[in-house]
């Protein structure tokens, strides 16, 4: 009679069971969860801190497990940028070119500054998804409603977005070059500028030393929207004149 097989110790059975299924954290993995973890890393440490290893560490999983949901780091950063752009909420149309462009500019600013450390992702990554192309579609739609041709609308849209992107990148990472809002730092900066020995810098020192983000943004948006509006009027007048000439010929 053969003796009954010995029962493995409890610790051995538990270890064997663990090898047969993924850790709990890994079982909850998804592209959305990985994207949110990456955004948390960005908010805390900046875009430069994002890696497959840093994100997996924050999730409590092995870095290799992330590749089931994202191709690589670039795909992960694209996912974060797309998620932030998906937060755009279309402003109500007013029928006014200038008011509609201003409303979109402020909405773009809102989602950009909601996560300042991720501003470079929102503003500089070239995306082909619906979310990535949303700002382009919005600007083109507003411009096309004025009667612009697709080509003219693209030129104006590029000028508008280039101005807006540059302004928001400056705001998200404004350094001493652009002044400050802190009274003590304003006084120190103004004194430095006044003693620079440069006549125009000295005369403008009080203004160069301070940086009001809201006023700067409004000034820039008003400037570019005014230029776009004037250009749209000129384009429309030119097109009408050409059509009149063709009819009278």
Protein backbone atom coordinates (compact mmCIF):
# COMPACT_ATOMS: atom_id res chain seq x y z
CA UNK A 1 0.00 0.00 0.00
CA UNK A 2 1.47 3.29 -1.13
CA UNK A 3 1.59 6.13 1.39
CA UNK A 4 -0.62 9.18 0.63
CA UNK A 5 1.29 12.01 -1.07
CA UNK A 6 2.44 14.69 1.29
CA UNK A 7 0.41 17.89 1.21
CA UNK A 8 2.59 20.86 0.18
CA UNK A 9 3.02 23.54 2.81
CA UNK A 10 0.46 26.38 2.68
CA UNK A 11 3.13 28.92 1.68
CA UNK A 12 4.08 26.75 -1.33
CA UNK A 13 0.44 26.45 -2.47
CA UNK A 14 -0.06 30.21 -2.18
CA UNK A 15 3.11 30.96 -4.15
CA UNK A 16 1.99 28.56 -6.89
CA UNK A 17 -1.43 30.21 -7.06
CA UNK A 18 0.14 33.65 -7.33
CA UNK A 19 2.23 32.50 -10.28
CA UNK A 20 -0.97 31.52 -12.11
CA UNK A 21 -2.61 34.97 -12.06
CA UNK A 22 -1.44 38.57 -12.42
CA UNK A 23 -1.09 40.89 -9.42
CA UNK A 24 -4.23 42.80 -8.47
CA UNK A 25 -2.78 46.10 -9.71
CA UNK A 26 -1.97 44.56 -13.09
CA UNK A 27 -5.49 43.15 -13.33
CA UNK A 28 -6.85 46.71 -13.17
CA UNK A 29 -4.60 48.02 -15.93
CA UNK A 30 -6.11 49.81 -18.93
CA UNK A 31 -4.99 52.46 -21.40
CA UNK A 32 -7.02 55.03 -19.46
CA UNK A 33 -5.43 54.05 -16.12
CA UNK A 34 -1.94 54.24 -17.62
CA UNK A 35 -2.71 57.62 -19.19
CA UNK A 36 -3.98 58.99 -15.88
CA UNK A 37 -0.88 57.72 -14.09
CA UNK A 38 1.33 59.41 -16.70
CA UNK A 39 -0.55 62.68 -16.25
CA UNK A 40 -0.05 62.43 -12.48
CA UNK A 41 3.70 62.02 -13.04
CA UNK A 42 3.68 65.06 -15.35
CA UNK A 43 1.74 67.19 -12.87
CA UNK A 44 4.19 66.31 -10.12
CA UNK A 45 7.53 66.25 -11.93
CA UNK A 46 7.09 67.46 -15.52
CA UNK A 47 7.04 65.78 -18.92
CA UNK A 48 10.72 64.88 -18.66
CA UNK A 49 9.99 62.56 -15.74
CA UNK A 50 7.68 60.34 -17.79
CA UNK A 51 9.02 56.92 -18.72
CA UNK A 52 7.52 53.48 -18.92
CA UNK A 53 9.37 52.66 -15.71
CA UNK A 54 8.19 55.73 -13.75
CA UNK A 55 4.58 55.21 -14.79
CA UNK A 56 4.63 51.48 -14.04
CA UNK A 57 6.17 52.19 -10.64
CA UNK A 58 3.33 54.58 -9.78
CA UNK A 59 0.84 51.87 -10.77
CA UNK A 60 2.64 49.14 -8.85
CA UNK A 61 3.19 46.91 -11.89
CA UNK A 62 6.06 45.73 -14.04
CA UNK A 63 7.00 48.11 -16.87
CA UNK A 64 6.57 45.33 -19.45
CA UNK A 65 2.87 45.05 -18.66
CA UNK A 66 2.25 48.57 -20.00
CA UNK A 67 3.11 47.48 -23.54
CA UNK A 68 -0.17 45.58 -23.76
CA UNK A 69 -1.92 48.98 -23.80
CA UNK A 70 0.55 51.53 -25.20
CA UNK A 71 3.16 50.97 -27.91
CA UNK A 72 5.88 53.08 -26.36
CA UNK A 73 6.54 56.34 -24.55
CA UNK A 74 5.51 58.45 -27.56
CA UNK A 75 2.18 56.66 -27.76
CA UNK A 76 1.70 57.27 -24.06
CA UNK A 77 2.42 60.99 -24.38
CA UNK A 78 0.05 61.19 -27.35
CA UNK A 79 -2.64 59.58 -25.22
CA UNK A 80 -2.17 62.22 -22.52
CA UNK A 81 -2.30 65.06 -25.06
CA UNK A 82 -5.42 63.63 -26.69
CA UNK A 83 -7.11 63.25 -23.32
CA UNK A 84 -6.47 66.89 -22.44
CA UNK A 85 -7.70 68.08 -25.83
CA UNK A 86 -10.85 66.02 -25.36
CA UNK A 87 -11.69 68.38 -22.48
CA UNK A 88 -12.35 71.21 -24.97
CA UNK A 89 -15.95 72.39 -24.66
CA UNK A 90 -17.21 74.21 -27.78
CA UNK A 91 -18.33 77.74 -26.85
CA UNK A 92 -21.77 78.82 -27.97
CA UNK A 93 -21.68 80.40 -31.43
CA UNK A 94 -22.50 84.10 -31.54
CA UNK A 95 -22.26 84.77 -35.26
CA UNK A 96 -19.48 87.28 -34.57
CA UNK A 97 -16.09 86.27 -35.95
CA UNK A 98 -14.18 88.18 -33.27
CA UNK A 99 -16.31 86.99 -30.35
CA UNK A 100 -16.23 83.37 -31.51
CA UNK A 101 -12.45 83.37 -31.99
CA UNK A 102 -11.93 84.96 -28.57
CA UNK A 103 -14.18 82.36 -26.94
CA UNK A 104 -12.23 79.50 -28.52
CA UNK A 105 -8.92 81.10 -27.50
CA UNK A 106 -10.04 81.28 -23.87
CA UNK A 107 -11.32 77.69 -23.96
CA UNK A 108 -7.97 76.52 -25.36
CA UNK A 109 -6.23 78.42 -22.61
CA UNK A 110 -8.46 76.82 -19.96
CA UNK A 111 -7.54 73.25 -20.86
CA UNK A 112 -3.86 74.15 -21.31
CA UNK A 113 -3.48 75.77 -17.90
CA UNK A 114 -5.50 73.07 -16.13
CA UNK A 115 -2.23 71.07 -16.28
CA UNK A 116 0.58 73.63 -16.84
CA UNK A 117 3.30 70.98 -16.73
CA UNK A 118 1.64 69.25 -19.68
CA UNK A 119 1.35 72.44 -21.75
CA UNK A 120 4.04 71.38 -24.21
CA UNK A 121 2.12 68.17 -24.95
CA UNK A 122 -1.15 69.98 -25.62
CA UNK A 123 0.46 72.73 -27.66
CA UNK A 124 3.24 71.08 -29.64
CA UNK A 125 2.49 67.43 -30.37
CA UNK A 126 1.26 66.71 -33.90
CA UNK A 127 -1.80 64.49 -33.54
CA UNK A 128 -4.01 63.01 -36.25
CA UNK A 129 -6.84 61.81 -34.03
CA UNK A 130 -10.20 63.56 -33.81
CA UNK A 131 -9.23 65.03 -30.43
CA UNK A 132 -5.87 66.22 -31.75
CA UNK A 133 -7.47 67.94 -34.73
CA UNK A 134 -10.30 69.53 -32.72
CA UNK A 135 -8.64 72.98 -32.39
CA UNK A 136 -7.91 72.99 -36.12
CA UNK A 137 -11.50 72.07 -36.96
CA UNK A 138 -12.86 74.73 -34.59
CA UNK A 139 -10.75 77.53 -36.04
CA UNK A 140 -11.48 76.52 -39.64
CA UNK A 141 -15.22 76.32 -38.95
CA UNK A 142 -15.32 79.85 -37.50
CA UNK A 143 -13.31 81.25 -40.41
CA UNK A 144 -15.23 79.41 -43.11
CA UNK A 145 -18.51 80.85 -41.82
CA UNK A 146 -17.24 84.28 -42.92
CA UNK A 147 -16.96 83.11 -46.52
CA UNK A 148 -13.22 82.43 -46.53
CA UNK A 149 -11.98 79.90 -49.04
CA UNK A 150 -10.44 76.73 -47.55
CA UNK A 151 -6.96 77.96 -48.51
CA UNK A 152 -7.38 81.40 -46.91
CA UNK A 153 -8.93 79.80 -43.83
CA UNK A 154 -5.88 77.53 -43.43
CA UNK A 155 -3.45 80.48 -43.66
CA UNK A 156 -5.42 82.51 -41.11
CA UNK A 157 -5.88 79.49 -38.83
CA UNK A 158 -2.13 78.84 -38.80
CA UNK A 159 -1.35 82.44 -37.90
CA UNK A 160 -3.98 82.36 -35.17
CA UNK A 161 -2.83 79.07 -33.64
CA UNK A 162 0.85 80.00 -33.87
CA UNK A 163 0.18 83.18 -31.90
CA UNK A 164 -2.00 81.39 -29.38
CA UNK A 165 0.46 78.52 -28.87
CA UNK A 166 3.40 80.88 -28.39
CA UNK A 167 1.45 82.98 -25.90
CA UNK A 168 0.35 79.96 -23.87
CA UNK A 169 3.82 78.40 -23.84
CA UNK A 170 5.15 81.70 -22.52
CA UNK A 171 2.44 81.84 -19.87
CA UNK A 172 2.89 78.24 -18.76
CA UNK A 173 6.61 78.72 -18.23
CA UNK A 174 6.99 82.49 -17.83
CA UNK A 175 10.43 83.35 -16.54
CA UNK A 176 12.08 86.59 -15.37
CA UNK A 177 12.34 87.83 -18.97
CA UNK A 178 8.59 88.43 -18.90
CA UNK A 179 8.44 90.02 -15.47
CA UNK A 180 6.53 88.88 -12.41
CA UNK A 181 3.37 89.50 -10.42
CA UNK A 182 5.10 89.49 -7.03
CA UNK A 183 5.41 93.09 -5.67
CA UNK A 184 8.83 92.51 -4.12
CA UNK A 185 10.21 90.91 -7.26
CA UNK A 186 8.69 93.67 -9.41
CA UNK A 187 10.56 96.33 -7.44
CA UNK A 188 13.84 94.40 -7.66
CA UNK A 189 13.41 93.72 -11.38
CA UNK A 190 12.49 97.33 -12.10
CA UNK A 191 15.57 98.59 -10.29
CA UNK A 192 17.76 96.21 -12.31
CA UNK A 193 16.22 97.35 -15.58
CA UNK A 194 16.49 101.04 -14.71
CA UNK A 195 20.21 100.63 -14.08
CA UNK A 196 20.81 98.72 -17.32
CA UNK A 197 22.18 101.75 -19.16
CA UNK A 198 19.76 101.14 -22.06
CA UNK A 199 17.52 104.21 -22.58
CA UNK A 200 14.41 102.44 -23.90
CA UNK A 201 14.65 99.63 -21.37
CA UNK A 202 15.00 102.22 -18.58
CA UNK A 203 11.91 104.13 -19.75
CA UNK A 204 9.85 100.93 -19.98
CA UNK A 205 11.25 99.36 -16.79
CA UNK A 206 8.06 99.69 -14.77
CA UNK A 207 6.12 97.81 -17.45
CA UNK A 208 8.82 95.26 -18.25
CA UNK A 209 9.15 94.33 -14.59
CA UNK A 210 5.55 93.17 -14.17
CA UNK A 211 3.71 90.34 -15.92
CA UNK A 212 -0.07 90.11 -15.58
CA UNK A 213 -0.97 86.82 -17.26
CA UNK A 214 -4.62 87.64 -17.88
CA UNK A 215 -3.93 91.08 -19.34
CA UNK A 216 -1.11 89.78 -21.53
CA UNK A 217 -3.30 87.00 -22.88
CA UNK A 218 -6.24 89.33 -23.57
CA UNK A 219 -3.98 91.86 -25.29
CA UNK A 220 -2.44 89.21 -27.55
CA UNK A 221 -5.78 87.61 -28.41
CA UNK A 222 -7.35 91.01 -29.17
CA UNK A 223 -4.40 91.83 -31.43
CA UNK A 224 -4.42 88.63 -33.48
CA UNK A 225 -8.23 88.45 -33.66
CA UNK A 226 -8.33 92.04 -34.88
CA UNK A 227 -5.75 91.27 -37.56
CA UNK A 228 -7.59 88.13 -38.65
CA UNK A 229 -10.88 90.03 -38.77
CA UNK A 230 -9.34 92.79 -40.88
CA UNK A 231 -7.80 90.22 -43.19
CA UNK A 232 -11.11 88.39 -43.57
CA UNK A 233 -12.76 91.66 -44.55
CA UNK A 234 -10.01 92.32 -47.09
CA UNK A 235 -10.23 88.81 -48.51
CA UNK A 236 -13.99 89.10 -48.85
CA UNK A 237 -13.79 92.50 -50.52
CA UNK A 238 -11.13 91.24 -52.94
CA UNK A 239 -13.21 88.18 -53.85
CA UNK A 240 -16.33 90.30 -54.41
CA UNK A 241 -14.40 92.73 -56.58
CA UNK A 242 -13.03 89.88 -58.68
CA UNK A 243 -16.51 88.39 -59.11
CA UNK A 244 -17.91 91.76 -60.19
CA UNK A 245 -15.12 92.14 -62.73
CA UNK A 246 -15.77 88.69 -64.15
CA UNK A 247 -19.52 89.40 -64.49
CA UNK A 248 -18.93 92.73 -66.26
CA UNK A 249 -16.31 91.32 -68.65
